[in-house]
Amino acid sequence: MLASVAIAPLNHVLRGESWARKRLQPCAGKTARFRVPPFFDLAVIIQPTGEVAAASTLAGNDAILTIMPALLPRLLVRDEAAYREIRISGDSMFGQEILEIGQNLRWDVEQDLSDVMGDILAHRVVRVGENLLHWHNETLHNLSQALTEYLTEEQPVLAKPTDMRTFANEVSGLQDQMSRLELRVDGLINKSL
């Protein structure tokens, strides 16, 4: 069930990106397993055409890509750092190839919508979606900044970065003083013996 829901759209996007299929063709017959614990576990096998199909449950895994659930929102907004946090086990070169292709795949939503509703309406729907996504990201950014400011200034639950640096420098200075004091005490003990 999950395999067909995930594989059909993936193949649709791959059909629109011939470069990606060409990069996958040399990997034909290899199996990649995508895990998002505890939500889903999906194994796909690369076809000679560069598309993917559901892999048999008996098939071995050439590469396993483990994606922690917290990474999913970052991956959706194409956060480059999130791709580096995906764990690859097995054939790391194959896994890395899949990640690089995944980073660069683009779904031409406007083209697909224009086939259904026409060019002008598709263009407007996509622009509204982009504006909504931009507004959402900006609102989350502003909210996180306001919350951080509130927790550091109004209700000081969190320490300010400058205060933490000052504290760390003071602790380091205290450690240096303790080391010098230990040396002086050891010297005095050695003199008295």
N, C-alpha and C. Protein backbone atom coordinates (compact mmCIF):
# COMPACT_ATOMS: atom_id res chain seq x y z
N MET A 1 0.83 -1.20 0.00
CA MET A 1 0.00 0.00 0.00
C MET A 1 0.88 1.26 0.00
N LEU A 2 1.76 1.38 1.00
CA LEU A 2 2.63 2.54 1.09
C LEU A 2 3.55 2.63 -0.11
N ALA A 3 4.02 1.48 -0.56
CA ALA A 3 4.94 1.46 -1.70
C ALA A 3 4.28 2.08 -2.93
N SER A 4 3.05 1.69 -3.24
CA SER A 4 2.40 2.21 -4.44
C SER A 4 2.10 3.70 -4.30
N VAL A 5 1.78 4.14 -3.09
CA VAL A 5 1.49 5.56 -2.86
C VAL A 5 2.75 6.40 -3.05
N ALA A 6 3.91 5.87 -2.65
CA ALA A 6 5.16 6.62 -2.75
C ALA A 6 5.82 6.47 -4.11
N ILE A 7 5.74 5.29 -4.71
CA ILE A 7 6.49 5.01 -5.93
C ILE A 7 5.88 5.69 -7.16
N ALA A 8 4.57 5.72 -7.27
CA ALA A 8 3.94 6.34 -8.45
C ALA A 8 4.32 7.81 -8.59
N PRO A 9 4.22 8.63 -7.55
CA PRO A 9 4.63 10.04 -7.71
C PRO A 9 6.14 10.19 -7.96
N LEU A 10 6.94 9.33 -7.33
CA LEU A 10 8.38 9.39 -7.53
C LEU A 10 8.72 9.10 -8.99
N ASN A 11 8.11 8.08 -9.56
CA ASN A 11 8.35 7.76 -10.97
C ASN A 11 7.85 8.88 -11.88
N HIS A 12 6.75 9.53 -11.50
CA HIS A 12 6.23 10.65 -12.28
C HIS A 12 7.27 11.78 -12.34
N VAL A 13 7.86 12.08 -11.19
CA VAL A 13 8.89 13.12 -11.14
C VAL A 13 10.13 12.68 -11.93
N LEU A 14 10.52 11.40 -11.78
CA LEU A 14 11.69 10.89 -12.52
C LEU A 14 11.48 10.95 -14.03
N ARG A 15 10.25 10.72 -14.49
CA ARG A 15 9.97 10.79 -15.93
C ARG A 15 10.18 12.20 -16.46
N GLY A 16 9.99 13.19 -15.61
CA GLY A 16 10.19 14.58 -16.01
C GLY A 16 11.64 15.03 -15.89
N GLU A 17 12.49 14.20 -15.29
CA GLU A 17 13.90 14.56 -15.07
C GLU A 17 14.79 13.47 -15.68
N SER A 18 15.05 13.58 -16.99
CA SER A 18 15.82 12.53 -17.68
C SER A 18 17.23 12.38 -17.12
N TRP A 19 17.83 13.47 -16.65
CA TRP A 19 19.18 13.39 -16.07
C TRP A 19 19.20 12.45 -14.87
N ALA A 20 18.13 12.48 -14.05
CA ALA A 20 18.08 11.63 -12.85
C ALA A 20 17.96 10.16 -13.24
N ARG A 21 17.13 9.87 -14.23
CA ARG A 21 16.99 8.49 -14.69
C ARG A 21 18.31 7.97 -15.25
N LYS A 22 19.03 8.82 -15.99
CA LYS A 22 20.33 8.41 -16.55
C LYS A 22 21.33 8.09 -15.44
N ARG A 23 21.28 8.86 -14.36
CA ARG A 23 22.20 8.59 -13.24
C ARG A 23 21.82 7.33 -12.49
N LEU A 24 20.53 6.99 -12.50
CA LEU A 24 20.08 5.78 -11.80
C LEU A 24 20.25 4.51 -12.63
N GLN A 25 20.27 4.62 -13.94
CA GLN A 25 20.34 3.44 -14.80
C GLN A 25 21.54 2.53 -14.49
N PRO A 26 22.74 3.05 -14.22
CA PRO A 26 23.85 2.15 -13.88
C PRO A 26 23.63 1.40 -12.56
N CYS A 27 22.69 1.85 -11.77
CA CYS A 27 22.39 1.21 -10.47
C CYS A 27 21.26 0.19 -10.61
N ALA A 28 20.85 -0.13 -11.83
CA ALA A 28 19.73 -1.06 -12.05
C ALA A 28 19.97 -2.36 -11.28
N GLY A 29 18.93 -2.81 -10.60
CA GLY A 29 19.00 -4.05 -9.83
C GLY A 29 19.37 -3.84 -8.37
N LYS A 30 19.84 -2.64 -8.03
CA LYS A 30 20.19 -2.36 -6.64
C LYS A 30 18.94 -1.96 -5.86
N THR A 31 18.97 -2.29 -4.58
CA THR A 31 17.82 -2.01 -3.71
C THR A 31 18.19 -0.98 -2.66
N ALA A 32 17.31 -0.01 -2.49
CA ALA A 32 17.48 1.01 -1.46
C ALA A 32 16.28 0.93 -0.51
N ARG A 33 16.57 0.98 0.76
CA ARG A 33 15.51 0.97 1.78
C ARG A 33 15.49 2.32 2.47
N PHE A 34 14.32 2.93 2.53
CA PHE A 34 14.13 4.22 3.21
C PHE A 34 13.38 3.95 4.50
N ARG A 35 13.98 4.35 5.60
CA ARG A 35 13.35 4.14 6.91
C ARG A 35 13.12 5.49 7.58
N VAL A 36 11.90 5.68 8.05
CA VAL A 36 11.56 6.82 8.90
C VAL A 36 10.93 6.21 10.15
N PRO A 37 11.79 5.83 11.11
CA PRO A 37 11.27 5.12 12.27
C PRO A 37 10.40 6.04 13.13
N PRO A 38 9.32 5.59 13.65
CA PRO A 38 8.67 4.29 13.51
C PRO A 38 7.57 4.31 12.46
N PHE A 39 7.55 5.33 11.60
CA PHE A 39 6.42 5.54 10.71
C PHE A 39 6.39 4.67 9.47
N PHE A 40 7.50 4.58 8.75
CA PHE A 40 7.44 3.72 7.57
C PHE A 40 8.82 3.20 7.20
N ASP A 41 8.76 2.14 6.41
CA ASP A 41 9.94 1.44 5.94
C ASP A 41 9.61 1.02 4.51
N LEU A 42 10.32 1.57 3.54
CA LEU A 42 10.01 1.34 2.13
C LEU A 42 11.26 0.91 1.39
N ALA A 43 11.19 -0.21 0.69
CA ALA A 43 12.31 -0.69 -0.12
C ALA A 43 11.95 -0.57 -1.59
N VAL A 44 12.87 0.01 -2.36
CA VAL A 44 12.66 0.15 -3.80
C VAL A 44 13.85 -0.45 -4.53
N ILE A 45 13.57 -0.94 -5.74
CA ILE A 45 14.63 -1.49 -6.58
C ILE A 45 14.71 -0.62 -7.83
N ILE A 46 15.93 -0.31 -8.24
CA ILE A 46 16.14 0.53 -9.41
C ILE A 46 15.93 -0.32 -10.66
N GLN A 47 15.10 0.18 -11.56
CA GLN A 47 14.79 -0.50 -12.81
C GLN A 47 15.80 -0.09 -13.89
N PRO A 48 15.96 -0.90 -14.95
CA PRO A 48 16.88 -0.53 -16.04
C PRO A 48 16.54 0.82 -16.70
N THR A 49 15.28 1.25 -16.60
CA THR A 49 14.87 2.53 -17.19
C THR A 49 15.27 3.72 -16.32
N GLY A 50 15.72 3.47 -15.09
CA GLY A 50 16.06 4.54 -14.17
C GLY A 50 14.91 4.90 -13.26
N GLU A 51 13.77 4.21 -13.44
CA GLU A 51 12.65 4.42 -12.53
C GLU A 51 12.79 3.43 -11.38
N VAL A 52 11.85 3.46 -10.44
CA VAL A 52 11.92 2.56 -9.29
C VAL A 52 10.65 1.71 -9.21
N ALA A 53 10.78 0.58 -8.53
CA ALA A 53 9.64 -0.31 -8.29
C ALA A 53 9.76 -0.81 -6.86
N ALA A 54 8.66 -1.30 -6.32
CA ALA A 54 8.69 -1.87 -4.98
C ALA A 54 9.59 -3.09 -4.98
N ALA A 55 10.46 -3.18 -3.98
CA ALA A 55 11.37 -4.32 -3.88
C ALA A 55 10.69 -5.44 -3.12
N SER A 56 11.07 -6.65 -3.45
CA SER A 56 10.55 -7.82 -2.76
C SER A 56 11.00 -7.78 -1.30
N THR A 57 10.18 -8.29 -0.43
CA THR A 57 10.55 -8.33 0.99
C THR A 57 11.74 -9.25 1.22
N LEU A 58 12.00 -10.16 0.27
CA LEU A 58 13.13 -11.09 0.39
C LEU A 58 14.42 -10.49 -0.15
N ALA A 59 14.30 -9.39 -0.90
CA ALA A 59 15.49 -8.78 -1.52
C ALA A 59 16.38 -8.19 -0.44
N GLY A 60 17.68 -8.30 -0.66
CA GLY A 60 18.63 -7.68 0.25
C GLY A 60 18.64 -6.17 0.03
N ASN A 61 19.25 -5.47 0.95
CA ASN A 61 19.33 -4.01 0.84
C ASN A 61 20.75 -3.61 0.50
N ASP A 62 20.92 -2.97 -0.64
CA ASP A 62 22.25 -2.47 -0.98
C ASP A 62 22.57 -1.23 -0.15
N ALA A 63 21.58 -0.39 0.05
CA ALA A 63 21.76 0.82 0.87
C ALA A 63 20.51 1.04 1.71
N ILE A 64 20.74 1.45 2.95
CA ILE A 64 19.63 1.79 3.84
C ILE A 64 19.80 3.25 4.23
N LEU A 65 18.78 4.04 3.96
CA LEU A 65 18.80 5.46 4.31
C LEU A 65 17.81 5.67 5.45
N THR A 66 18.33 6.05 6.60
CA THR A 66 17.49 6.26 7.78
C THR A 66 17.30 7.75 7.97
N ILE A 67 16.04 8.15 7.98
CA ILE A 67 15.67 9.56 8.09
C ILE A 67 14.88 9.72 9.39
N MET A 68 15.41 10.50 10.31
CA MET A 68 14.70 10.73 11.56
C MET A 68 13.50 11.63 11.27
N PRO A 69 12.37 11.39 11.94
CA PRO A 69 11.15 12.17 11.65
C PRO A 69 11.34 13.68 11.75
N ALA A 70 12.20 14.13 12.64
CA ALA A 70 12.41 15.57 12.80
C ALA A 70 13.03 16.20 11.55
N LEU A 71 13.66 15.40 10.70
CA LEU A 71 14.28 15.94 9.49
C LEU A 71 13.26 16.20 8.37
N LEU A 72 12.11 15.56 8.43
CA LEU A 72 11.15 15.65 7.32
C LEU A 72 10.75 17.08 6.96
N PRO A 73 10.38 17.93 7.93
CA PRO A 73 10.03 19.30 7.54
C PRO A 73 11.20 20.04 6.90
N ARG A 74 12.41 19.79 7.39
CA ARG A 74 13.59 20.45 6.82
C ARG A 74 13.86 19.95 5.41
N LEU A 75 13.61 18.68 5.17
CA LEU A 75 13.80 18.14 3.82
C LEU A 75 12.77 18.72 2.86
N LEU A 76 11.55 18.92 3.33
CA LEU A 76 10.50 19.48 2.48
C LEU A 76 10.82 20.90 2.02
N VAL A 77 11.51 21.66 2.86
CA VAL A 77 11.87 23.03 2.47
C VAL A 77 13.28 23.07 1.90
N ARG A 78 13.84 21.88 1.61
CA ARG A 78 15.13 21.71 0.94
C ARG A 78 16.30 22.32 1.72
N ASP A 79 16.30 22.08 3.01
CA ASP A 79 17.41 22.49 3.87
C ASP A 79 18.61 21.59 3.55
N GLU A 80 19.68 22.18 3.00
CA GLU A 80 20.86 21.41 2.58
C GLU A 80 21.47 20.64 3.74
N ALA A 81 21.49 21.23 4.92
CA ALA A 81 22.10 20.57 6.09
C ALA A 81 21.31 19.33 6.49
N ALA A 82 20.02 19.30 6.23
CA ALA A 82 19.20 18.14 6.61
C ALA A 82 19.62 16.90 5.83
N TYR A 83 20.03 17.06 4.58
CA TYR A 83 20.46 15.91 3.77
C TYR A 83 21.71 15.27 4.36
N ARG A 84 22.57 16.08 4.98
CA ARG A 84 23.80 15.54 5.59
C ARG A 84 23.51 14.75 6.85
N GLU A 85 22.33 14.93 7.43
CA GLU A 85 21.98 14.23 8.67
C GLU A 85 21.29 12.88 8.41
N ILE A 86 21.05 12.55 7.16
CA ILE A 86 20.46 11.25 6.82
C ILE A 86 21.55 10.20 6.95
N ARG A 87 21.27 9.15 7.71
CA ARG A 87 22.26 8.09 7.92
C ARG A 87 22.18 7.08 6.79
N ILE A 88 23.34 6.74 6.24
CA ILE A 88 23.43 5.76 5.16
C ILE A 88 24.21 4.57 5.69
N SER A 89 23.64 3.37 5.51
CA SER A 89 24.38 2.15 5.83
C SER A 89 24.35 1.26 4.60
N GLY A 90 25.32 0.37 4.52
CA GLY A 90 25.45 -0.48 3.34
C GLY A 90 26.33 0.20 2.30
N ASP A 91 25.94 0.16 1.05
CA ASP A 91 26.70 0.74 -0.05
C ASP A 91 26.58 2.27 0.02
N SER A 92 27.57 2.90 0.63
CA SER A 92 27.48 4.35 0.86
C SER A 92 27.55 5.15 -0.44
N MET A 93 28.25 4.65 -1.45
CA MET A 93 28.31 5.39 -2.73
C MET A 93 26.94 5.38 -3.41
N PHE A 94 26.25 4.24 -3.36
CA PHE A 94 24.90 4.15 -3.92
C PHE A 94 23.95 5.04 -3.12
N GLY A 95 24.04 4.98 -1.80
CA GLY A 95 23.20 5.82 -0.95
C GLY A 95 23.43 7.29 -1.18
N GLN A 96 24.69 7.68 -1.34
CA GLN A 96 25.02 9.08 -1.59
C GLN A 96 24.50 9.53 -2.95
N GLU A 97 24.56 8.64 -3.94
CA GLU A 97 24.02 8.95 -5.27
C GLU A 97 22.51 9.23 -5.18
N ILE A 98 21.81 8.41 -4.41
CA ILE A 98 20.37 8.61 -4.24
C ILE A 98 20.09 9.95 -3.57
N LEU A 99 20.88 10.28 -2.53
CA LEU A 99 20.69 11.56 -1.84
C LEU A 99 20.93 12.75 -2.78
N GLU A 100 22.00 12.67 -3.57
CA GLU A 100 22.30 13.78 -4.49
C GLU A 100 21.18 13.95 -5.52
N ILE A 101 20.68 12.84 -6.02
CA ILE A 101 19.57 12.92 -6.97
C ILE A 101 18.34 13.51 -6.28
N GLY A 102 18.05 13.03 -5.07
CA GLY A 102 16.91 13.54 -4.31
C GLY A 102 17.00 15.03 -4.03
N GLN A 103 18.21 15.51 -3.78
CA GLN A 103 18.39 16.94 -3.52
C GLN A 103 18.07 17.78 -4.74
N ASN A 104 18.29 17.24 -5.91
CA ASN A 104 18.16 18.03 -7.13
C ASN A 104 16.90 17.75 -7.94
N LEU A 105 16.10 16.78 -7.50
CA LEU A 105 14.84 16.52 -8.21
C LEU A 105 13.87 17.67 -7.98
N ARG A 106 13.23 18.08 -9.03
CA ARG A 106 12.23 19.14 -8.92
C ARG A 106 10.94 18.69 -9.60
N TRP A 107 9.85 18.84 -8.89
CA TRP A 107 8.55 18.51 -9.45
C TRP A 107 7.98 19.77 -10.07
N ASP A 108 7.70 19.74 -11.34
CA ASP A 108 7.12 20.88 -12.04
C ASP A 108 5.61 20.85 -11.82
N VAL A 109 5.21 21.34 -10.67
CA VAL A 109 3.80 21.33 -10.28
C VAL A 109 2.97 22.14 -11.27
N GLU A 110 3.50 23.27 -11.67
CA GLU A 110 2.75 24.15 -12.57
C GLU A 110 2.44 23.44 -13.89
N GLN A 111 3.40 22.70 -14.43
CA GLN A 111 3.17 21.98 -15.68
C GLN A 111 2.08 20.93 -15.51
N ASP A 112 2.14 20.17 -14.41
CA ASP A 112 1.12 19.14 -14.17
C ASP A 112 -0.27 19.75 -13.97
N LEU A 113 -0.33 20.88 -13.25
CA LEU A 113 -1.62 21.53 -13.04
C LEU A 113 -2.16 22.14 -14.33
N SER A 114 -1.27 22.63 -15.18
CA SER A 114 -1.74 23.25 -16.43
C SER A 114 -2.40 22.23 -17.34
N ASP A 115 -1.99 20.97 -17.24
CA ASP A 115 -2.64 19.93 -18.03
C ASP A 115 -4.09 19.73 -17.59
N VAL A 116 -4.36 20.02 -16.32
CA VAL A 116 -5.70 19.81 -15.77
C VAL A 116 -6.56 21.07 -15.84
N MET A 117 -5.97 22.22 -15.47
CA MET A 117 -6.80 23.42 -15.33
C MET A 117 -6.40 24.58 -16.22
N GLY A 118 -5.43 24.40 -17.07
CA GLY A 118 -5.01 25.47 -17.95
C GLY A 118 -3.82 26.24 -17.39
N ASP A 119 -3.10 26.91 -18.30
CA ASP A 119 -1.85 27.57 -17.94
C ASP A 119 -2.04 28.71 -16.94
N ILE A 120 -2.99 29.58 -17.18
CA ILE A 120 -3.14 30.78 -16.35
C ILE A 120 -3.54 30.40 -14.93
N LEU A 121 -4.54 29.55 -14.79
CA LEU A 121 -4.99 29.16 -13.46
C LEU A 121 -3.90 28.37 -12.73
N ALA A 122 -3.20 27.51 -13.44
CA ALA A 122 -2.11 26.75 -12.83
C ALA A 122 -1.03 27.69 -12.32
N HIS A 123 -0.68 28.68 -13.10
CA HIS A 123 0.33 29.66 -12.70
C HIS A 123 -0.11 30.39 -11.42
N ARG A 124 -1.35 30.80 -11.39
CA ARG A 124 -1.86 31.52 -10.21
C ARG A 124 -1.91 30.63 -8.98
N VAL A 125 -2.31 29.39 -9.14
CA VAL A 125 -2.37 28.45 -8.00
C VAL A 125 -0.97 28.23 -7.43
N VAL A 126 0.01 28.05 -8.30
CA VAL A 126 1.39 27.83 -7.84
C VAL A 126 1.91 29.08 -7.14
N ARG A 127 1.65 30.27 -7.66
CA ARG A 127 2.11 31.51 -7.00
C ARG A 127 1.46 31.66 -5.63
N VAL A 128 0.18 31.37 -5.52
CA VAL A 128 -0.50 31.45 -4.22
C VAL A 128 0.15 30.46 -3.24
N GLY A 129 0.45 29.26 -3.71
CA GLY A 129 1.10 28.26 -2.87
C GLY A 129 2.48 28.72 -2.41
N GLU A 130 3.25 29.31 -3.32
CA GLU A 130 4.58 29.81 -2.97
C GLU A 130 4.48 30.95 -1.96
N ASN A 131 3.52 31.86 -2.17
CA ASN A 131 3.34 32.97 -1.23
C ASN A 131 2.91 32.46 0.15
N LEU A 132 2.06 31.46 0.16
CA LEU A 132 1.61 30.88 1.42
C LEU A 132 2.78 30.22 2.15
N LEU A 133 3.61 29.50 1.43
CA LEU A 133 4.78 28.86 2.03
C LEU A 133 5.75 29.90 2.56
N HIS A 134 5.98 30.97 1.79
CA HIS A 134 6.86 32.05 2.24
C HIS A 134 6.31 32.70 3.51
N TRP A 135 5.03 32.99 3.53
CA TRP A 135 4.39 33.58 4.70
C TRP A 135 4.54 32.66 5.90
N HIS A 136 4.32 31.36 5.69
CA HIS A 136 4.43 30.39 6.77
C HIS A 136 5.84 30.37 7.34
N ASN A 137 6.85 30.30 6.48
CA ASN A 137 8.24 30.28 6.94
C ASN A 137 8.61 31.57 7.67
N GLU A 138 8.18 32.69 7.12
CA GLU A 138 8.48 33.97 7.76
C GLU A 138 7.79 34.08 9.12
N THR A 139 6.56 33.62 9.22
CA THR A 139 5.84 33.65 10.49
C THR A 139 6.53 32.76 11.52
N LEU A 140 6.96 31.57 11.13
CA LEU A 140 7.68 30.70 12.07
C LEU A 140 8.99 31.33 12.52
N HIS A 141 9.69 31.96 11.60
CA HIS A 141 10.95 32.63 11.95
C HIS A 141 10.70 33.76 12.95
N ASN A 142 9.69 34.60 12.67
CA ASN A 142 9.37 35.71 13.56
C ASN A 142 8.92 35.22 14.93
N LEU A 143 8.12 34.16 14.93
CA LEU A 143 7.64 33.60 16.20
C LEU A 143 8.80 33.06 17.02
N SER A 144 9.72 32.36 16.39
CA SER A 144 10.86 31.81 17.13
C SER A 144 11.74 32.92 17.67
N GLN A 145 11.92 34.00 16.90
CA GLN A 145 12.71 35.14 17.39
C GLN A 145 12.02 35.80 18.58
N ALA A 146 10.72 36.00 18.48
CA ALA A 146 9.98 36.63 19.57
C ALA A 146 10.02 35.77 20.82
N LEU A 147 9.88 34.46 20.66
CA LEU A 147 9.92 33.55 21.81
C LEU A 147 11.30 33.56 22.45
N THR A 148 12.34 33.55 21.63
CA THR A 148 13.71 33.60 22.15
C THR A 148 13.94 34.89 22.91
N GLU A 149 13.49 36.00 22.35
CA GLU A 149 13.66 37.28 23.03
C GLU A 149 12.89 37.31 24.34
N TYR A 150 11.69 36.79 24.34
CA TYR A 150 10.89 36.74 25.57
C TYR A 150 11.59 35.91 26.64
N LEU A 151 12.11 34.75 26.26
CA LEU A 151 12.74 33.85 27.23
C LEU A 151 14.12 34.31 27.69
N THR A 152 14.74 35.23 26.96
CA THR A 152 16.04 35.75 27.40
C THR A 152 15.93 37.13 28.04
N GLU A 153 14.93 37.91 27.64
CA GLU A 153 14.82 39.28 28.15
C GLU A 153 13.70 39.45 29.18
N GLU A 154 12.49 39.09 28.81
CA GLU A 154 11.33 39.32 29.67
C GLU A 154 11.25 38.35 30.85
N GLN A 155 11.30 37.09 30.55
CA GLN A 155 11.29 36.03 31.56
C GLN A 155 12.59 35.25 31.40
N PRO A 156 13.67 35.70 32.01
CA PRO A 156 14.99 35.10 31.74
C PRO A 156 15.10 33.63 32.15
N VAL A 157 14.55 32.78 31.30
CA VAL A 157 14.67 31.34 31.49
C VAL A 157 15.91 30.84 30.76
N LEU A 158 16.20 31.47 29.63
CA LEU A 158 17.37 31.11 28.83
C LEU A 158 18.47 32.14 29.03
N ALA A 159 19.70 31.69 28.94
CA ALA A 159 20.84 32.60 29.05
C ALA A 159 21.13 33.21 27.69
N LYS A 160 21.56 34.47 27.71
CA LYS A 160 21.96 35.12 26.47
C LYS A 160 23.31 34.57 26.04
N PRO A 161 23.56 34.51 24.74
CA PRO A 161 24.86 34.00 24.27
C PRO A 161 26.05 34.77 24.84
N THR A 162 25.91 36.10 24.97
CA THR A 162 27.03 36.88 25.53
C THR A 162 27.27 36.51 26.99
N ASP A 163 26.18 36.29 27.74
CA ASP A 163 26.33 35.89 29.14
C ASP A 163 26.98 34.51 29.24
N MET A 164 26.63 33.61 28.33
CA MET A 164 27.22 32.27 28.35
C MET A 164 28.72 32.33 28.03
N ARG A 165 29.12 33.17 27.08
CA ARG A 165 30.54 33.32 26.76
C ARG A 165 31.30 33.90 27.94
N THR A 166 30.71 34.91 28.59
CA THR A 166 31.35 35.50 29.77
C THR A 166 31.51 34.45 30.86
N PHE A 167 30.46 33.67 31.10
CA PHE A 167 30.51 32.63 32.12
C PHE A 167 31.59 31.59 31.78
N ALA A 168 31.65 31.17 30.52
CA ALA A 168 32.64 30.18 30.10
C ALA A 168 34.06 30.73 30.28
N ASN A 169 34.26 32.02 29.97
CA ASN A 169 35.58 32.63 30.17
C ASN A 169 35.94 32.70 31.65
N GLU A 170 34.95 33.01 32.49
CA GLU A 170 35.21 33.07 33.93
C GLU A 170 35.55 31.69 34.48
N VAL A 171 34.85 30.68 34.02
CA VAL A 171 35.15 29.30 34.47
C VAL A 171 36.54 28.90 34.02
N SER A 172 36.91 29.24 32.79
CA SER A 172 38.24 28.92 32.29
C SER A 172 39.31 29.63 33.11
N GLY A 173 39.08 30.91 33.43
CA GLY A 173 40.02 31.67 34.26
C GLY A 173 40.14 31.06 35.65
N LEU A 174 39.03 30.63 36.21
CA LEU A 174 39.04 29.99 37.53
C LEU A 174 39.81 28.68 37.50
N GLN A 175 39.66 27.93 36.42
CA GLN A 175 40.41 26.67 36.28
C GLN A 175 41.91 26.95 36.22
N ASP A 176 42.31 28.00 35.50
CA ASP A 176 43.72 28.38 35.43
C ASP A 176 44.25 28.76 36.81
N GLN A 177 43.47 29.53 37.55
CA GLN A 177 43.88 29.94 38.90
C GLN A 177 44.02 28.73 39.81
N MET A 178 43.08 27.77 39.69
CA MET A 178 43.14 26.55 40.51
C MET A 178 44.39 25.74 40.19
N SER A 179 44.76 25.65 38.92
CA SER A 179 45.96 24.91 38.51
C SER A 179 47.20 25.57 39.11
N ARG A 180 47.27 26.91 39.05
CA ARG A 180 48.42 27.60 39.63
C ARG A 180 48.47 27.43 41.13
N LEU A 181 47.30 27.46 41.79
CA LEU A 181 47.24 27.27 43.23
C LEU A 181 47.71 25.86 43.62
N GLU A 182 47.29 24.86 42.85
CA GLU A 182 47.72 23.48 43.12
C GLU A 182 49.24 23.36 43.01
N LEU A 183 49.80 24.01 41.98
CA LEU A 183 51.25 23.97 41.81
C LEU A 183 51.97 24.63 43.00
N ARG A 184 51.45 25.76 43.48
CA ARG A 184 52.05 26.45 44.62
C ARG A 184 51.93 25.61 45.88
N VAL A 185 50.76 24.97 46.09
CA VAL A 185 50.57 24.12 47.27
C VAL A 185 51.52 22.94 47.19
N ASP A 186 51.64 22.31 46.03
CA ASP A 186 52.57 21.19 45.87
C ASP A 186 54.01 21.63 46.14
N GLY A 187 54.36 22.84 45.66
CA GLY A 187 55.71 23.36 45.92
C GLY A 187 55.97 23.58 47.39
N LEU A 188 54.97 24.12 48.10
CA LEU A 188 55.13 24.34 49.55
C LEU A 188 55.22 23.03 50.30
N ILE A 189 54.45 22.05 49.90
CA ILE A 189 54.51 20.72 50.55
C ILE A 189 55.88 20.09 50.33
N ASN A 190 56.39 20.20 49.12
CA ASN A 190 57.69 19.61 48.80
C ASN A 190 58.81 20.30 49.59
N LYS A 191 58.71 21.64 49.80
CA LYS A 191 59.70 22.39 50.58
C LYS A 191 59.69 21.98 52.05
N SER A 192 58.51 21.72 52.58
CA SER A 192 58.40 21.37 54.00
C SER A 192 58.89 19.96 54.28
N LEU A 193 58.96 19.09 53.28
CA LEU A 193 59.43 17.73 53.47
C LEU A 193 60.90 17.74 53.40
